[in-house]
PDB file of N, CA and C in Angstrom:
ATOM      1  N   MET A   1       8.668 -45.992  -5.497  1.00  0.00           N
ATOM      2  CA  MET A   1       7.825 -45.011  -4.845  1.00  0.00           C
ATOM      3  C   MET A   1       7.517 -43.916  -5.848  1.00  0.00           C
ATOM      4  N   GLY A   2       6.248 -43.626  -5.999  1.00  0.00           N
ATOM      5  CA  GLY A   2       5.818 -42.621  -6.947  1.00  0.00           C
ATOM      6  C   GLY A   2       5.638 -41.255  -6.302  1.00  0.00           C
ATOM      7  N   LEU A   3       5.390 -40.293  -7.128  1.00  0.00           N
ATOM      8  CA  LEU A   3       5.248 -38.916  -6.685  1.00  0.00           C
ATOM      9  C   LEU A   3       4.061 -38.728  -5.745  1.00  0.00           C
ATOM     10  N   PHE A   4       2.978 -39.468  -5.946  1.00  0.00           N
ATOM     11  CA  PHE A   4       1.780 -39.280  -5.145  1.00  0.00           C
ATOM     12  C   PHE A   4       1.550 -40.414  -4.140  1.00  0.00           C
ATOM     13  N   ASP A   5       2.557 -41.219  -3.835  1.00  0.00           N
ATOM     14  CA  ASP A   5       2.390 -42.331  -2.904  1.00  0.00           C
ATOM     15  C   ASP A   5       2.034 -41.851  -1.501  1.00  0.00           C
ATOM     16  N   PHE A   6       2.424 -40.647  -1.135  1.00  0.00           N
ATOM     17  CA  PHE A   6       2.127 -40.152   0.213  1.00  0.00           C
ATOM     18  C   PHE A   6       0.630 -39.970   0.440  1.00  0.00           C
ATOM     19  N   LEU A   7      -0.154 -39.874  -0.632  1.00  0.00           N
ATOM     20  CA  LEU A   7      -1.596 -39.690  -0.506  1.00  0.00           C
ATOM     21  C   LEU A   7      -2.314 -40.956  -0.063  1.00  0.00           C
ATOM     22  N   SER A   8      -1.725 -42.109  -0.287  1.00  0.00           N
ATOM     23  CA  SER A   8      -2.417 -43.363  -0.009  1.00  0.00           C
ATOM     24  C   SER A   8      -2.539 -43.648   1.485  1.00  0.00           C
ATOM     25  N   ASN A   9      -1.655 -43.156   2.317  1.00  0.00           N
ATOM     26  CA  ASN A   9      -1.697 -43.422   3.756  1.00  0.00           C
ATOM     27  C   ASN A   9      -1.843 -42.126   4.543  1.00  0.00           C
ATOM     28  N   GLU A  10      -2.844 -41.348   4.209  1.00  0.00           N
ATOM     29  CA  GLU A  10      -3.009 -40.043   4.849  1.00  0.00           C
ATOM     30  C   GLU A  10      -3.228 -40.161   6.341  1.00  0.00           C
ATOM     31  N   GLY A  11      -3.933 -41.160   6.799  1.00  0.00           N
ATOM     32  CA  GLY A  11      -4.245 -41.308   8.213  1.00  0.00           C
ATOM     33  C   GLY A  11      -3.042 -41.677   9.060  1.00  0.00           C
ATOM     34  N   ASP A  12      -1.989 -42.216   8.459  1.00  0.00           N
ATOM     35  CA  ASP A  12      -0.826 -42.680   9.209  1.00  0.00           C
ATOM     36  C   ASP A  12       0.157 -41.562   9.544  1.00  0.00           C
ATOM     37  N   LYS A  13       0.078 -40.461   8.851  1.00  0.00           N
ATOM     38  CA  LYS A  13       1.105 -39.428   9.010  1.00  0.00           C
ATOM     39  C   LYS A  13       0.499 -38.125   9.515  1.00  0.00           C
ATOM     40  N   LYS A  14       1.301 -37.415  10.297  1.00  0.00           N
ATOM     41  CA  LYS A  14       0.886 -36.120  10.825  1.00  0.00           C
ATOM     42  C   LYS A  14       1.669 -35.026  10.111  1.00  0.00           C
ATOM     43  N   PRO A  15       1.123 -33.821  10.058  1.00  0.00           N
ATOM     44  CA  PRO A  15       1.877 -32.718   9.457  1.00  0.00           C
ATOM     45  C   PRO A  15       3.141 -32.439  10.275  1.00  0.00           C
ATOM     46  N   VAL A  16       4.141 -31.996   9.603  1.00  0.00           N
ATOM     47  CA  VAL A  16       5.405 -31.675  10.269  1.00  0.00           C
ATOM     48  C   VAL A  16       5.252 -30.368  11.026  1.00  0.00           C
ATOM     49  N   GLU A  17       5.669 -30.353  12.287  1.00  0.00           N
ATOM     50  CA  GLU A  17       5.641 -29.153  13.119  1.00  0.00           C
ATOM     51  C   GLU A  17       6.957 -28.404  12.971  1.00  0.00           C
ATOM     52  N   PRO A  18       6.929 -27.074  13.047  1.00  0.00           N
ATOM     53  CA  PRO A  18       8.181 -26.314  13.000  1.00  0.00           C
ATOM     54  C   PRO A  18       9.072 -26.692  14.177  1.00  0.00           C
ATOM     55  N   ALA A  19      10.381 -26.639  13.970  1.00  0.00           N
ATOM     56  CA  ALA A  19      11.337 -27.017  15.006  1.00  0.00           C
ATOM     57  C   ALA A  19      11.218 -26.115  16.226  1.00  0.00           C
ATOM     58  N   ASN A  20      11.122 -24.824  16.018  1.00  0.00           N
ATOM     59  CA  ASN A  20      10.934 -23.896  17.132  1.00  0.00           C
ATOM     60  C   ASN A  20      10.013 -22.783  16.675  1.00  0.00           C
ATOM     61  N   LYS A  21       9.046 -22.496  17.496  1.00  0.00           N
ATOM     62  CA  LYS A  21       8.087 -21.459  17.163  1.00  0.00           C
ATOM     63  C   LYS A  21       8.564 -20.139  17.736  1.00  0.00           C
ATOM     64  N   PRO A  22       8.470 -19.036  16.985  1.00  0.00           N
ATOM     65  CA  PRO A  22       8.889 -17.747  17.522  1.00  0.00           C
ATOM     66  C   PRO A  22       7.992 -17.321  18.673  1.00  0.00           C
ATOM     67  N   ALA A  23       8.593 -16.654  19.653  1.00  0.00           N
ATOM     68  CA  ALA A  23       7.840 -16.162  20.799  1.00  0.00           C
ATOM     69  C   ALA A  23       6.876 -15.071  20.350  1.00  0.00           C
ATOM     70  N   ALA A  24       5.744 -15.005  20.991  1.00  0.00           N
ATOM     71  CA  ALA A  24       4.755 -13.985  20.638  1.00  0.00           C
ATOM     72  C   ALA A  24       5.308 -12.605  20.936  1.00  0.00           C
ATOM     73  N   GLY A  25       5.207 -11.708  19.961  1.00  0.00           N
ATOM     74  CA  GLY A  25       5.657 -10.336  20.160  1.00  0.00           C
ATOM     75  C   GLY A  25       7.163 -10.176  20.142  1.00  0.00           C
ATOM     76  N   GLY A  26       7.894 -11.159  19.716  1.00  0.00           N
ATOM     77  CA  GLY A  26       9.353 -11.053  19.733  1.00  0.00           C
ATOM     78  C   GLY A  26       9.955 -11.770  18.555  1.00  0.00           C
ATOM     79  N   GLY A  27      11.039 -12.474  18.768  1.00  0.00           N
ATOM     80  CA  GLY A  27      11.678 -13.225  17.712  1.00  0.00           C
ATOM     81  C   GLY A  27      12.809 -12.449  17.082  1.00  0.00           C
ATOM     82  N   THR A  28      13.027 -12.727  15.813  1.00  0.00           N
ATOM     83  CA  THR A  28      14.132 -12.099  15.119  1.00  0.00           C
ATOM     84  C   THR A  28      13.631 -11.343  13.904  1.00  0.00           C
ATOM     85  N   ASP A  29      14.456 -10.430  13.447  1.00  0.00           N
ATOM     86  CA  ASP A  29      14.107  -9.699  12.235  1.00  0.00           C
ATOM     87  C   ASP A  29      14.598 -10.488  11.024  1.00  0.00           C
ATOM     88  N   PHE A  30      14.538  -9.892   9.862  1.00  0.00           N
ATOM     89  CA  PHE A  30      14.921 -10.538   8.611  1.00  0.00           C
ATOM     90  C   PHE A  30      16.351 -11.073   8.639  1.00  0.00           C
ATOM     91  N   PHE A  31      17.261 -10.370   9.341  1.00  0.00           N
ATOM     92  CA  PHE A  31      18.666 -10.738   9.354  1.00  0.00           C
ATOM     93  C   PHE A  31      19.035 -11.665  10.497  1.00  0.00           C
ATOM     94  N   GLY A  32      18.057 -12.090  11.301  1.00  0.00           N
ATOM     95  CA  GLY A  32      18.338 -12.989  12.407  1.00  0.00           C
ATOM     96  C   GLY A  32      18.721 -12.268  13.691  1.00  0.00           C
ATOM     97  N   ASN A  33      18.629 -10.944  13.702  1.00  0.00           N
ATOM     98  CA  ASN A  33      18.944 -10.183  14.906  1.00  0.00           C
ATOM     99  C   ASN A  33      17.754 -10.180  15.843  1.00  0.00           C
ATOM    100  N   ASN A  34      18.031 -10.019  17.129  1.00  0.00           N
ATOM    101  CA  ASN A  34      16.967  -9.942  18.115  1.00  0.00           C
ATOM    102  C   ASN A  34      16.091  -8.739  17.799  1.00  0.00           C
ATOM    103  N   ALA A  35      14.811  -8.943  17.608  1.00  0.00           N
ATOM    104  CA  ALA A  35      13.903  -7.863  17.218  1.00  0.00           C
ATOM    105  C   ALA A  35      13.756  -6.820  18.312  1.00  0.00           C
ATOM    106  N   ASN A  36      13.965  -7.205  19.560  1.00  0.00           N
ATOM    107  CA  ASN A  36      13.833  -6.271  20.666  1.00  0.00           C
ATOM    108  C   ASN A  36      15.141  -5.573  20.991  1.00  0.00           C
ATOM    109  N   ALA A  37      16.245  -5.934  20.361  1.00  0.00           N
ATOM    110  CA  ALA A  37      17.548  -5.356  20.680  1.00  0.00           C
ATOM    111  C   ALA A  37      17.595  -3.866  20.392  1.00  0.00           C
ATOM    112  N   ALA A  38      16.979  -3.424  19.310  1.00  0.00           N
ATOM    113  CA  ALA A  38      17.014  -2.004  18.967  1.00  0.00           C
ATOM    114  C   ALA A  38      16.319  -1.172  20.025  1.00  0.00           C
ATOM    115  N   SER A  39      15.183  -1.637  20.508  1.00  0.00           N
ATOM    116  CA  SER A  39      14.480  -0.867  21.536  1.00  0.00           C
ATOM    117  C   SER A  39      15.236  -0.908  22.850  1.00  0.00           C
ATOM    118  N   ASN A  40      15.886  -2.032  23.172  1.00  0.00           N
ATOM    119  CA  ASN A  40      16.677  -2.117  24.397  1.00  0.00           C
ATOM    120  C   ASN A  40      17.893  -1.216  24.320  1.00  0.00           C
ATOM    121  N   THR A  41      18.543  -1.145  23.168  1.00  0.00           N
ATOM    122  CA  THR A  41      19.719  -0.308  22.998  1.00  0.00           C
ATOM    123  C   THR A  41      19.341   1.161  23.083  1.00  0.00           C
ATOM    124  N   ALA A  42      18.232   1.536  22.476  1.00  0.00           N
ATOM    125  CA  ALA A  42      17.816   2.933  22.500  1.00  0.00           C
ATOM    126  C   ALA A  42      17.514   3.384  23.920  1.00  0.00           C
ATOM    127  N   ALA A  43      16.999   2.490  24.746  1.00  0.00           N
ATOM    128  CA  ALA A  43      16.685   2.845  26.122  1.00  0.00           C
ATOM    129  C   ALA A  43      17.948   3.002  26.953  1.00  0.00           C
ATOM    130  N   ALA A  44      19.062   2.443  26.479  1.00  0.00           N
ATOM    131  CA  ALA A  44      20.293   2.459  27.251  1.00  0.00           C
ATOM    132  C   ALA A  44      21.082   3.753  27.101  1.00  0.00           C
ATOM    133  N   GLY A  45      20.729   4.631  26.177  1.00  0.00           N
ATOM    134  CA  GLY A  45      21.506   5.853  25.998  1.00  0.00           C
ATOM    135  C   GLY A  45      20.797   6.870  25.130  1.00  0.00           C
ATOM    136  N   ASP A  46      21.510   7.957  24.868  1.00  0.00           N
ATOM    137  CA  ASP A  46      20.985   9.031  24.020  1.00  0.00           C
ATOM    138  C   ASP A  46      21.206   8.696  22.555  1.00  0.00           C
ATOM    139  N   THR A  47      20.578   9.471  21.680  1.00  0.00           N
ATOM    140  CA  THR A  47      20.818   9.310  20.248  1.00  0.00           C
ATOM    141  C   THR A  47      21.497  10.559  19.710  1.00  0.00           C
ATOM    142  N   TYR A  48      22.173  10.380  18.587  1.00  0.00           N
ATOM    143  CA  TYR A  48      22.885  11.474  17.939  1.00  0.00           C
ATOM    144  C   TYR A  48      22.739  11.302  16.439  1.00  0.00           C
ATOM    145  N   THR A  49      22.414  12.361  15.730  1.00  0.00           N
ATOM    146  CA  THR A  49      22.318  12.328  14.277  1.00  0.00           C
ATOM    147  C   THR A  49      23.606  12.872  13.677  1.00  0.00           C
ATOM    148  N   VAL A  50      24.220  12.083  12.816  1.00  0.00           N
ATOM    149  CA  VAL A  50      25.504  12.429  12.203  1.00  0.00           C
ATOM    150  C   VAL A  50      25.340  13.635  11.284  1.00  0.00           C
ATOM    151  N   VAL A  51      26.276  14.590  11.404  1.00  0.00           N
ATOM    152  CA  VAL A  51      26.312  15.759  10.530  1.00  0.00           C
ATOM    153  C   VAL A  51      27.613  15.747   9.732  1.00  0.00           C
ATOM    154  N   SER A  52      27.679  16.598   8.732  1.00  0.00           N
ATOM    155  CA  SER A  52      28.865  16.671   7.880  1.00  0.00           C
ATOM    156  C   SER A  52      30.114  16.965   8.713  1.00  0.00           C
ATOM    157  N   GLY A  53      31.175  16.233   8.458  1.00  0.00           N
ATOM    158  CA  GLY A  53      32.445  16.431   9.156  1.00  0.00           C
ATOM    159  C   GLY A  53      32.609  15.578  10.401  1.00  0.00           C
ATOM    160  N   ASP A  54      31.586  14.829  10.770  1.00  0.00           N
ATOM    161  CA  ASP A  54      31.659  13.988  11.966  1.00  0.00           C
ATOM    162  C   ASP A  54      32.502  12.747  11.731  1.00  0.00           C
ATOM    163  N   SER A  55      33.056  12.250  12.816  1.00  0.00           N
ATOM    164  CA  SER A  55      33.689  10.941  12.870  1.00  0.00           C
ATOM    165  C   SER A  55      33.318  10.365  14.227  1.00  0.00           C
ATOM    166  N   LEU A  56      33.482   9.070  14.384  1.00  0.00           N
ATOM    167  CA  LEU A  56      33.135   8.474  15.669  1.00  0.00           C
ATOM    168  C   LEU A  56      33.996   9.044  16.793  1.00  0.00           C
ATOM    169  N   SER A  57      35.268   9.326  16.493  1.00  0.00           N
ATOM    170  CA  SER A  57      36.138   9.883  17.537  1.00  0.00           C
ATOM    171  C   SER A  57      35.730  11.306  17.906  1.00  0.00           C
ATOM    172  N   LYS A  58      35.282  12.104  16.942  1.00  0.00           N
ATOM    173  CA  LYS A  58      34.801  13.462  17.247  1.00  0.00           C
ATOM    174  C   LYS A  58      33.538  13.401  18.109  1.00  0.00           C
ATOM    175  N   ILE A  59      32.642  12.490  17.773  1.00  0.00           N
ATOM    176  CA  ILE A  59      31.414  12.333  18.544  1.00  0.00           C
ATOM    177  C   ILE A  59      31.745  11.892  19.974  1.00  0.00           C
ATOM    178  N   ALA A  60      32.669  10.935  20.093  1.00  0.00           N
ATOM    179  CA  ALA A  60      33.071  10.446  21.413  1.00  0.00           C
ATOM    180  C   ALA A  60      33.724  11.553  22.237  1.00  0.00           C
ATOM    181  N   LYS A  61      34.576  12.362  21.600  1.00  0.00           N
ATOM    182  CA  LYS A  61      35.234  13.470  22.298  1.00  0.00           C
ATOM    183  C   LYS A  61      34.196  14.469  22.809  1.00  0.00           C
ATOM    184  N   HIS A  62      33.209  14.782  21.998  1.00  0.00           N
ATOM    185  CA  HIS A  62      32.181  15.756  22.368  1.00  0.00           C
ATOM    186  C   HIS A  62      31.275  15.230  23.488  1.00  0.00           C
ATOM    187  N   HIS A  63      30.864  13.952  23.408  1.00  0.00           N
ATOM    188  CA  HIS A  63      29.886  13.418  24.356  1.00  0.00           C
ATOM    189  C   HIS A  63      30.498  12.787  25.594  1.00  0.00           C
ATOM    190  N   TYR A  64      31.683  12.210  25.456  1.00  0.00           N
ATOM    191  CA  TYR A  64      32.306  11.521  26.590  1.00  0.00           C
ATOM    192  C   TYR A  64      33.559  12.232  27.101  1.00  0.00           C
ATOM    193  N   GLY A  65      34.070  13.194  26.323  1.00  0.00           N
ATOM    194  CA  GLY A  65      35.296  13.872  26.712  1.00  0.00           C
ATOM    195  C   GLY A  65      36.549  13.078  26.402  1.00  0.00           C
ATOM    196  N   ASP A  66      36.408  11.977  25.660  1.00  0.00           N
ATOM    197  CA  ASP A  66      37.544  11.112  25.328  1.00  0.00           C
ATOM    198  C   ASP A  66      37.315  10.509  23.942  1.00  0.00           C
ATOM    199  N   ALA A  67      38.145  10.920  22.986  1.00  0.00           N
ATOM    200  CA  ALA A  67      38.004  10.441  21.606  1.00  0.00           C
ATOM    201  C   ALA A  67      38.234   8.945  21.492  1.00  0.00           C
ATOM    202  N   ALA A  68      39.004   8.367  22.418  1.00  0.00           N
ATOM    203  CA  ALA A  68      39.312   6.932  22.361  1.00  0.00           C
ATOM    204  C   ALA A  68      38.087   6.058  22.656  1.00  0.00           C
ATOM    205  N   LYS A  69      37.009   6.625  23.118  1.00  0.00           N
ATOM    206  CA  LYS A  69      35.799   5.855  23.422  1.00  0.00           C
ATOM    207  C   LYS A  69      34.914   5.643  22.189  1.00  0.00           C
ATOM    208  N   TRP A  70      35.448   5.947  21.003  1.00  0.00           N
ATOM    209  CA  TRP A  70      34.683   5.743  19.776  1.00  0.00           C
ATOM    210  C   TRP A  70      34.293   4.275  19.593  1.00  0.00           C
ATOM    211  N   HIS A  71      35.101   3.368  20.158  1.00  0.00           N
ATOM    212  CA  HIS A  71      34.811   1.926  20.034  1.00  0.00           C
ATOM    213  C   HIS A  71      33.452   1.582  20.644  1.00  0.00           C
ATOM    214  N   GLN A  72      33.124   2.212  21.775  1.00  0.00           N
ATOM    215  CA  GLN A  72      31.839   1.931  22.417  1.00  0.00           C
ATOM    216  C   GLN A  72      30.685   2.387  21.533  1.00  0.00           C
ATOM    217  N   ILE A  73      30.847   3.523  20.883  1.00  0.00           N
ATOM    218  CA  ILE A  73      29.793   4.000  19.973  1.00  0.00           C
ATOM    219  C   ILE A  73      29.657   3.037  18.794  1.00  0.00           C
ATOM    220  N   TYR A  74      30.795   2.618  18.254  1.00  0.00           N
ATOM    221  CA  TYR A  74      30.761   1.693  17.114  1.00  0.00           C
ATOM    222  C   TYR A  74      30.105   0.363  17.501  1.00  0.00           C
ATOM    223  N   ASP A  75      30.487  -0.202  18.647  1.00  0.00           N
ATOM    224  CA  ASP A  75      29.923  -1.477  19.081  1.00  0.00           C
ATOM    225  C   ASP A  75      28.407  -1.401  19.255  1.00  0.00           C
ATOM    226  N   ALA A  76      27.912  -0.267  19.722  1.00  0.00           N
ATOM    227  CA  ALA A  76      26.472  -0.106  19.931  1.00  0.00           C
ATOM    228  C   ALA A  76      25.707   0.139  18.631  1.00  0.00           C
ATOM    229  N   ASN A  77      26.434   0.450  17.545  1.00  0.00           N
ATOM    230  CA  ASN A  77      25.778   0.837  16.293  1.00  0.00           C
ATOM    231  C   ASN A  77      26.265   0.076  15.070  1.00  0.00           C
ATOM    232  N   LYS A  78      26.811  -1.109  15.251  1.00  0.00           N
ATOM    233  CA  LYS A  78      27.319  -1.882  14.108  1.00  0.00           C
ATOM    234  C   LYS A  78      26.251  -2.130  13.052  1.00  0.00           C
ATOM    235  N   GLY A  79      25.020  -2.326  13.475  1.00  0.00           N
ATOM    236  CA  GLY A  79      23.927  -2.560  12.522  1.00  0.00           C
ATOM    237  C   GLY A  79      23.628  -1.345  11.658  1.00  0.00           C
ATOM    238  N   VAL A  80      23.866  -0.155  12.177  1.00  0.00           N
ATOM    239  CA  VAL A  80      23.612   1.081  11.435  1.00  0.00           C
ATOM    240  C   VAL A  80      24.826   1.443  10.586  1.00  0.00           C
ATOM    241  N   ILE A  81      26.014   1.325  11.172  1.00  0.00           N
ATOM    242  CA  ILE A  81      27.248   1.774  10.514  1.00  0.00           C
ATOM    243  C   ILE A  81      27.759   0.765   9.492  1.00  0.00           C
ATOM    244  N   GLY A  82      27.709  -0.504   9.820  1.00  0.00           N
ATOM    245  CA  GLY A  82      28.258  -1.531   8.942  1.00  0.00           C
ATOM    246  C   GLY A  82      29.620  -1.979   9.422  1.00  0.00           C
ATOM    247  N   SER A  83      30.376  -2.608   8.541  1.00  0.00           N
ATOM    248  CA  SER A  83      31.647  -3.215   8.937  1.00  0.00           C
ATOM    249  C   SER A  83      32.822  -2.245   8.973  1.00  0.00           C
ATOM    250  N   ASN A  84      32.667  -1.037   8.438  1.00  0.00           N
ATOM    251  CA  ASN A  84      33.764  -0.071   8.427  1.00  0.00           C
ATOM    252  C   ASN A  84      33.397   1.139   9.288  1.00  0.00           C
ATOM    253  N   PRO A  85      34.017   1.270  10.473  1.00  0.00           N
ATOM    254  CA  PRO A  85      33.663   2.380  11.356  1.00  0.00           C
ATOM    255  C   PRO A  85      34.062   3.753  10.818  1.00  0.00           C
ATOM    256  N   ASP A  86      34.874   3.795   9.782  1.00  0.00           N
ATOM    257  CA  ASP A  86      35.274   5.067   9.180  1.00  0.00           C
ATOM    258  C   ASP A  86      34.227   5.605   8.209  1.00  0.00           C
ATOM    259  N   LEU A  87      33.227   4.796   7.869  1.00  0.00           N
ATOM    260  CA  LEU A  87      32.232   5.204   6.883  1.00  0.00           C
ATOM    261  C   LEU A  87      30.872   5.460   7.532  1.00  0.00           C
ATOM    262  N   ILE A  88      30.792   6.552   8.291  1.00  0.00           N
ATOM    263  CA  ILE A  88      29.489   6.962   8.802  1.00  0.00           C
ATOM    264  C   ILE A  88      28.928   7.993   7.839  1.00  0.00           C
ATOM    265  N   GLU A  89      27.615   8.042   7.729  1.00  0.00           N
ATOM    266  CA  GLU A  89      26.973   8.904   6.743  1.00  0.00           C
ATOM    267  C   GLU A  89      26.122   9.975   7.416  1.00  0.00           C
ATOM    268  N   VAL A  90      26.073  11.131   6.791  1.00  0.00           N
ATOM    269  CA  VAL A  90      25.248  12.229   7.287  1.00  0.00           C
ATOM    270  C   VAL A  90      23.797  11.748   7.374  1.00  0.00           C
ATOM    271  N   GLY A  91      23.162  12.019   8.507  1.00  0.00           N
ATOM    272  CA  GLY A  91      21.774  11.631   8.699  1.00  0.00           C
ATOM    273  C   GLY A  91      21.585  10.345   9.475  1.00  0.00           C
ATOM    274  N   GLN A  92      22.646   9.539   9.630  1.00  0.00           N
ATOM    275  CA  GLN A  92      22.514   8.319  10.419  1.00  0.00           C
ATOM    276  C   GLN A  92      22.224   8.696  11.873  1.00  0.00           C
ATOM    277  N   VAL A  93      21.323   7.959  12.498  1.00  0.00           N
ATOM    278  CA  VAL A  93      21.015   8.190  13.903  1.00  0.00           C
ATOM    279  C   VAL A  93      21.728   7.111  14.707  1.00  0.00           C
ATOM    280  N   LEU A  94      22.663   7.546  15.553  1.00  0.00           N
ATOM    281  CA  LEU A  94      23.477   6.639  16.347  1.00  0.00           C
ATOM    282  C   LEU A  94      23.021   6.658  17.796  1.00  0.00           C
ATOM    283  N   THR A  95      23.094   5.503  18.427  1.00  0.00           N
ATOM    284  CA  THR A  95      22.825   5.408  19.859  1.00  0.00           C
ATOM    285  C   THR A  95      24.133   5.637  20.590  1.00  0.00           C
ATOM    286  N   LEU A  96      24.114   6.526  21.561  1.00  0.00           N
ATOM    287  CA  LEU A  96      25.296   6.801  22.383  1.00  0.00           C
ATOM    288  C   LEU A  96      25.101   6.096  23.725  1.00  0.00           C
ATOM    289  N   PRO A  97      25.784   4.960  23.911  1.00  0.00           N
ATOM    290  CA  PRO A  97      25.571   4.177  25.129  1.00  0.00           C
ATOM    291  C   PRO A  97      26.047   4.931  26.366  1.00  0.00           C
ATOM    292  N   LYS A  98      25.391   4.643  27.481  1.00  0.00           N
ATOM    293  CA  LYS A  98      25.835   5.217  28.743  1.00  0.00           C
ATOM    294  C   LYS A  98      27.059   4.450  29.200  1.00  0.00           C
ATOM    295  N   LEU A  99      28.072   5.170  29.615  1.00  0.00           N
ATOM    296  CA  LEU A  99      29.304   4.518  30.060  1.00  0.00           C
ATOM    297  C   LEU A  99      29.422   4.548  31.559  1.00  0.00           C
TER     298      LEU A  99
END
């Protein structure tokens, strides 16, 4: 079989279709995350911009009255914060989920 053998029987073969087509107006972003998840999360709670000296537990204490609820803030913002909840940066905008 040669490199150009596929040209000889053009009428016999159809172009390959994608396995799954993305939904119109939706789908995933570059990293495979739900493209609509950010807008859904933002609608679920308030936002907070990190300032110098903040930690997730301080934010949780101020907004929820319980520093132990920092886990909920982290879970809602893993895409913004990253894998280490101790490394939040000044200027990050966090979603504060409704509890």
